[in-house]
């Protein structure tokens, strides 16, 4: 682990930006489910979850990597999605290409 940099993001920032990028939130008892909808409103199979216990907490690279895989992205692409360089349209284009 020496020399490795741990990647973290605030759960609130992740949620805020997923919602901006076309994910819709559905609350369960312990977790919130975020499902991506195309710009025409069609639901996709791309989804991820976050615990209700995480709002102000940092999400570490292990969980970020899992979330990235769940929504069909690499960790780097997912970080770009939640940090905003990757737009909703660009993400939609990426996943449409993977679903063909």
N, C-alpha and C. Protein backbone atom coordinates (compact mmCIF):
# COMPACT_ATOMS: atom_id res chain seq x y z
N UNK A 1 0.81 -1.19 0.00
CA UNK A 1 0.00 0.00 0.00
C UNK A 1 0.86 1.27 0.00
N UNK A 2 2.11 1.14 0.25
CA UNK A 2 2.99 2.28 0.26
C UNK A 2 3.01 2.94 -1.11
N UNK A 3 2.81 4.23 -1.14
CA UNK A 3 2.82 4.95 -2.41
C UNK A 3 1.45 5.04 -3.08
N UNK A 4 0.47 4.29 -2.59
CA UNK A 4 -0.87 4.36 -3.17
C UNK A 4 -1.64 5.50 -2.54
N UNK A 5 -2.43 6.16 -3.33
CA UNK A 5 -3.27 7.25 -2.84
C UNK A 5 -4.69 6.73 -2.76
N UNK A 6 -5.30 6.88 -1.59
CA UNK A 6 -6.69 6.45 -1.43
C UNK A 6 -7.61 7.53 -1.99
N UNK A 7 -8.52 7.10 -2.81
CA UNK A 7 -9.49 8.00 -3.42
C UNK A 7 -10.73 8.02 -2.56
N UNK A 8 -11.25 9.20 -2.26
CA UNK A 8 -12.50 9.32 -1.52
C UNK A 8 -13.35 10.42 -2.13
N UNK A 9 -14.65 10.30 -1.91
CA UNK A 9 -15.59 11.34 -2.29
C UNK A 9 -16.66 11.39 -1.20
N UNK A 10 -17.20 12.55 -0.95
CA UNK A 10 -18.29 12.72 0.01
C UNK A 10 -19.57 12.10 -0.58
N UNK A 11 -20.27 11.34 0.26
CA UNK A 11 -21.50 10.69 -0.18
C UNK A 11 -22.53 11.70 -0.68
N UNK A 12 -22.64 12.85 -0.02
CA UNK A 12 -23.59 13.88 -0.44
C UNK A 12 -23.28 14.38 -1.85
N UNK A 13 -21.98 14.53 -2.15
CA UNK A 13 -21.57 15.00 -3.48
C UNK A 13 -21.92 13.95 -4.53
N UNK A 14 -21.69 12.68 -4.21
CA UNK A 14 -22.01 11.60 -5.14
C UNK A 14 -23.51 11.61 -5.43
N UNK A 15 -24.32 11.66 -4.37
CA UNK A 15 -25.76 11.66 -4.55
C UNK A 15 -26.22 12.85 -5.38
N UNK A 16 -25.77 14.03 -5.02
CA UNK A 16 -26.16 15.26 -5.73
C UNK A 16 -25.86 15.17 -7.21
N UNK A 17 -24.66 14.70 -7.54
CA UNK A 17 -24.27 14.67 -8.94
C UNK A 17 -24.87 13.49 -9.71
N UNK A 18 -25.14 12.37 -9.05
CA UNK A 18 -25.86 11.29 -9.72
C UNK A 18 -27.26 11.77 -10.11
N UNK A 19 -27.91 12.47 -9.20
CA UNK A 19 -29.26 12.97 -9.48
C UNK A 19 -29.23 13.99 -10.62
N UNK A 20 -28.20 14.83 -10.68
CA UNK A 20 -28.05 15.79 -11.77
C UNK A 20 -27.82 15.10 -13.11
N UNK A 21 -27.21 13.91 -13.07
CA UNK A 21 -26.82 13.21 -14.30
C UNK A 21 -27.88 12.23 -14.79
N UNK A 22 -29.08 12.24 -14.21
CA UNK A 22 -30.15 11.42 -14.73
C UNK A 22 -30.49 10.19 -13.92
N UNK A 23 -29.86 10.03 -12.76
CA UNK A 23 -30.21 8.92 -11.88
C UNK A 23 -31.41 9.34 -11.05
N UNK A 24 -32.32 8.40 -10.82
CA UNK A 24 -33.48 8.65 -9.97
C UNK A 24 -33.30 7.84 -8.70
N UNK A 25 -33.64 8.45 -7.58
CA UNK A 25 -33.43 7.84 -6.26
C UNK A 25 -34.70 7.16 -5.78
N UNK A 26 -34.50 5.95 -5.23
CA UNK A 26 -35.59 5.24 -4.58
C UNK A 26 -35.09 4.78 -3.22
N UNK A 27 -35.73 5.22 -2.15
CA UNK A 27 -35.30 4.87 -0.80
C UNK A 27 -35.88 3.55 -0.35
N UNK A 28 -35.00 2.71 0.20
CA UNK A 28 -35.41 1.48 0.85
C UNK A 28 -35.22 1.65 2.35
N UNK A 29 -35.30 0.57 3.10
CA UNK A 29 -35.16 0.65 4.56
C UNK A 29 -33.75 1.03 4.98
N UNK A 30 -32.74 0.43 4.36
CA UNK A 30 -31.35 0.66 4.76
C UNK A 30 -30.52 1.36 3.69
N UNK A 31 -30.97 1.31 2.44
CA UNK A 31 -30.19 1.84 1.34
C UNK A 31 -31.05 2.68 0.39
N UNK A 32 -30.39 3.53 -0.35
CA UNK A 32 -31.05 4.25 -1.44
C UNK A 32 -30.54 3.65 -2.75
N UNK A 33 -31.45 3.41 -3.65
CA UNK A 33 -31.12 2.87 -4.97
C UNK A 33 -31.17 4.03 -5.97
N UNK A 34 -30.14 4.11 -6.81
CA UNK A 34 -30.04 5.14 -7.84
C UNK A 34 -30.04 4.44 -9.19
N UNK A 35 -31.08 4.69 -9.98
CA UNK A 35 -31.26 4.04 -11.28
C UNK A 35 -31.15 5.11 -12.37
N UNK A 36 -30.32 4.84 -13.38
CA UNK A 36 -30.15 5.80 -14.48
C UNK A 36 -31.30 5.69 -15.46
N UNK A 37 -31.81 6.86 -15.86
CA UNK A 37 -32.85 6.96 -16.88
C UNK A 37 -32.28 7.75 -18.06
N UNK A 38 -32.53 7.25 -19.26
CA UNK A 38 -32.13 7.98 -20.45
C UNK A 38 -32.82 9.34 -20.47
N UNK A 39 -32.34 10.25 -21.29
CA UNK A 39 -32.91 11.60 -21.35
C UNK A 39 -34.37 11.58 -21.81
N UNK A 40 -34.80 10.50 -22.48
CA UNK A 40 -36.21 10.39 -22.88
C UNK A 40 -37.08 9.79 -21.77
N UNK A 41 -36.47 9.52 -20.60
CA UNK A 41 -37.20 8.99 -19.45
C UNK A 41 -37.18 7.48 -19.31
N UNK A 42 -36.65 6.77 -20.30
CA UNK A 42 -36.59 5.32 -20.26
C UNK A 42 -35.60 4.85 -19.20
N UNK A 43 -36.05 3.94 -18.34
CA UNK A 43 -35.19 3.39 -17.30
C UNK A 43 -34.19 2.43 -17.91
N UNK A 44 -32.97 2.42 -17.38
CA UNK A 44 -31.93 1.49 -17.84
C UNK A 44 -31.65 0.48 -16.74
N UNK A 45 -30.77 -0.45 -17.01
CA UNK A 45 -30.35 -1.41 -16.01
C UNK A 45 -29.17 -0.92 -15.18
N UNK A 46 -28.72 0.31 -15.42
CA UNK A 46 -27.58 0.86 -14.69
C UNK A 46 -28.05 1.42 -13.36
N UNK A 47 -27.55 0.84 -12.28
CA UNK A 47 -27.98 1.28 -10.96
C UNK A 47 -26.90 1.03 -9.93
N UNK A 48 -26.96 1.78 -8.85
CA UNK A 48 -26.05 1.59 -7.74
C UNK A 48 -26.80 1.91 -6.45
N UNK A 49 -26.21 1.55 -5.32
CA UNK A 49 -26.85 1.80 -4.03
C UNK A 49 -25.88 2.51 -3.09
N UNK A 50 -26.46 3.23 -2.14
CA UNK A 50 -25.70 3.82 -1.04
C UNK A 50 -26.50 3.64 0.23
N UNK A 51 -25.80 3.40 1.31
CA UNK A 51 -26.42 3.24 2.62
C UNK A 51 -26.96 4.58 3.11
N UNK A 52 -28.04 4.52 3.87
CA UNK A 52 -28.58 5.74 4.49
C UNK A 52 -27.61 6.29 5.53
N UNK A 53 -26.69 5.48 6.00
CA UNK A 53 -25.76 5.90 7.05
C UNK A 53 -24.60 6.73 6.52
N UNK A 54 -24.52 6.95 5.20
CA UNK A 54 -23.34 7.60 4.63
C UNK A 54 -23.45 9.08 4.27
N UNK A 55 -24.55 9.80 4.51
CA UNK A 55 -24.69 11.14 3.94
C UNK A 55 -23.49 12.09 4.10
N UNK A 56 -22.94 12.23 5.28
CA UNK A 56 -21.83 13.15 5.47
C UNK A 56 -20.47 12.48 5.44
N UNK A 57 -20.45 11.21 5.17
CA UNK A 57 -19.21 10.44 5.24
C UNK A 57 -18.49 10.38 3.91
N UNK A 58 -17.21 10.05 4.02
CA UNK A 58 -16.41 9.80 2.82
C UNK A 58 -16.64 8.37 2.35
N UNK A 59 -16.74 8.20 1.05
CA UNK A 59 -16.83 6.88 0.43
C UNK A 59 -15.43 6.59 -0.11
N UNK A 60 -14.87 5.45 0.30
CA UNK A 60 -13.51 5.08 -0.10
C UNK A 60 -13.43 4.42 -1.46
N UNK A 61 -12.19 4.20 -1.90
CA UNK A 61 -11.98 3.70 -3.27
C UNK A 61 -12.55 2.30 -3.51
N UNK A 62 -12.61 1.45 -2.50
CA UNK A 62 -13.17 0.11 -2.70
C UNK A 62 -14.66 0.21 -3.05
N UNK A 63 -15.39 1.00 -2.28
CA UNK A 63 -16.82 1.17 -2.55
C UNK A 63 -17.05 1.97 -3.83
N UNK A 64 -16.22 2.97 -4.07
CA UNK A 64 -16.33 3.73 -5.32
C UNK A 64 -16.13 2.83 -6.54
N UNK A 65 -15.17 1.91 -6.44
CA UNK A 65 -14.93 0.96 -7.54
C UNK A 65 -16.14 0.07 -7.76
N UNK A 66 -16.76 -0.38 -6.67
CA UNK A 66 -17.97 -1.21 -6.79
C UNK A 66 -19.11 -0.43 -7.43
N UNK A 67 -19.28 0.81 -7.01
CA UNK A 67 -20.34 1.64 -7.59
C UNK A 67 -20.08 1.87 -9.08
N UNK A 68 -18.82 2.08 -9.43
CA UNK A 68 -18.45 2.28 -10.83
C UNK A 68 -18.84 1.06 -11.67
N UNK A 69 -18.50 -0.12 -11.19
CA UNK A 69 -18.84 -1.35 -11.92
C UNK A 69 -20.35 -1.50 -12.07
N UNK A 70 -21.09 -1.16 -11.01
CA UNK A 70 -22.54 -1.29 -11.05
C UNK A 70 -23.17 -0.42 -12.14
N UNK A 71 -22.56 0.72 -12.42
CA UNK A 71 -23.12 1.62 -13.44
C UNK A 71 -22.36 1.54 -14.75
N UNK A 72 -21.54 0.49 -14.91
CA UNK A 72 -20.89 0.21 -16.18
C UNK A 72 -19.69 1.08 -16.52
N UNK A 73 -19.01 1.59 -15.50
CA UNK A 73 -17.86 2.46 -15.73
C UNK A 73 -16.61 1.96 -15.02
N UNK A 74 -15.47 2.48 -15.45
CA UNK A 74 -14.24 2.27 -14.70
C UNK A 74 -14.27 3.25 -13.52
N UNK A 75 -13.38 3.07 -12.57
CA UNK A 75 -13.31 4.00 -11.44
C UNK A 75 -13.03 5.41 -11.93
N UNK A 76 -12.10 5.55 -12.85
CA UNK A 76 -11.77 6.89 -13.38
C UNK A 76 -12.98 7.55 -14.04
N UNK A 77 -13.74 6.78 -14.83
CA UNK A 77 -14.93 7.32 -15.48
C UNK A 77 -15.99 7.71 -14.45
N UNK A 78 -16.15 6.86 -13.42
CA UNK A 78 -17.14 7.15 -12.38
C UNK A 78 -16.78 8.43 -11.63
N UNK A 79 -15.49 8.59 -11.32
CA UNK A 79 -15.07 9.82 -10.65
C UNK A 79 -15.33 11.04 -11.53
N UNK A 80 -15.14 10.88 -12.83
CA UNK A 80 -15.46 11.97 -13.76
C UNK A 80 -16.96 12.24 -13.79
N UNK A 81 -17.77 11.20 -13.63
CA UNK A 81 -19.22 11.37 -13.59
C UNK A 81 -19.62 12.15 -12.34
N UNK A 82 -19.10 11.78 -11.18
CA UNK A 82 -19.50 12.47 -9.94
C UNK A 82 -18.78 13.79 -9.73
N UNK A 83 -17.64 13.99 -10.38
CA UNK A 83 -16.93 15.27 -10.26
C UNK A 83 -17.36 16.24 -11.36
N UNK A 84 -18.14 15.77 -12.29
CA UNK A 84 -18.80 16.55 -13.35
C UNK A 84 -18.10 16.71 -14.70
N UNK A 85 -16.85 16.33 -14.93
CA UNK A 85 -16.34 16.44 -16.30
C UNK A 85 -17.09 15.55 -17.29
N UNK A 86 -17.63 14.40 -16.81
CA UNK A 86 -18.39 13.50 -17.68
C UNK A 86 -19.86 13.92 -17.62
N UNK A 87 -20.37 14.42 -18.72
CA UNK A 87 -21.75 14.92 -18.76
C UNK A 87 -22.74 13.76 -18.82
N UNK A 88 -23.99 14.11 -18.59
CA UNK A 88 -25.06 13.12 -18.71
C UNK A 88 -25.10 12.54 -20.13
N UNK A 89 -25.00 13.42 -21.13
CA UNK A 89 -25.05 12.96 -22.52
C UNK A 89 -23.89 12.02 -22.84
N UNK A 90 -22.70 12.36 -22.35
CA UNK A 90 -21.53 11.51 -22.60
C UNK A 90 -21.69 10.16 -21.91
N UNK A 91 -22.23 10.15 -20.68
CA UNK A 91 -22.47 8.89 -19.97
C UNK A 91 -23.51 8.06 -20.72
N UNK A 92 -24.57 8.71 -21.16
CA UNK A 92 -25.61 8.00 -21.90
C UNK A 92 -25.04 7.37 -23.17
N UNK A 93 -24.20 8.09 -23.88
CA UNK A 93 -23.55 7.56 -25.08
C UNK A 93 -22.68 6.36 -24.74
N UNK A 94 -21.93 6.45 -23.64
CA UNK A 94 -21.08 5.33 -23.21
C UNK A 94 -21.89 4.07 -22.93
N UNK A 95 -22.97 4.22 -22.17
CA UNK A 95 -23.71 3.01 -21.80
C UNK A 95 -24.56 2.48 -22.95
N UNK A 96 -25.01 3.35 -23.82
CA UNK A 96 -25.74 2.87 -25.01
C UNK A 96 -24.80 2.01 -25.86
N UNK A 97 -23.54 2.42 -25.96
CA UNK A 97 -22.55 1.65 -26.71
C UNK A 97 -22.27 0.30 -26.10
N UNK A 98 -22.31 0.21 -24.77
CA UNK A 98 -22.06 -1.06 -24.08
C UNK A 98 -23.25 -2.00 -24.16
N UNK A 99 -24.45 -1.45 -24.34
CA UNK A 99 -25.64 -2.28 -24.33
C UNK A 99 -25.97 -2.85 -25.71
N UNK A 100 -25.20 -2.48 -26.72
CA UNK A 100 -25.46 -3.00 -28.08
C UNK A 100 -24.95 -4.40 -28.22
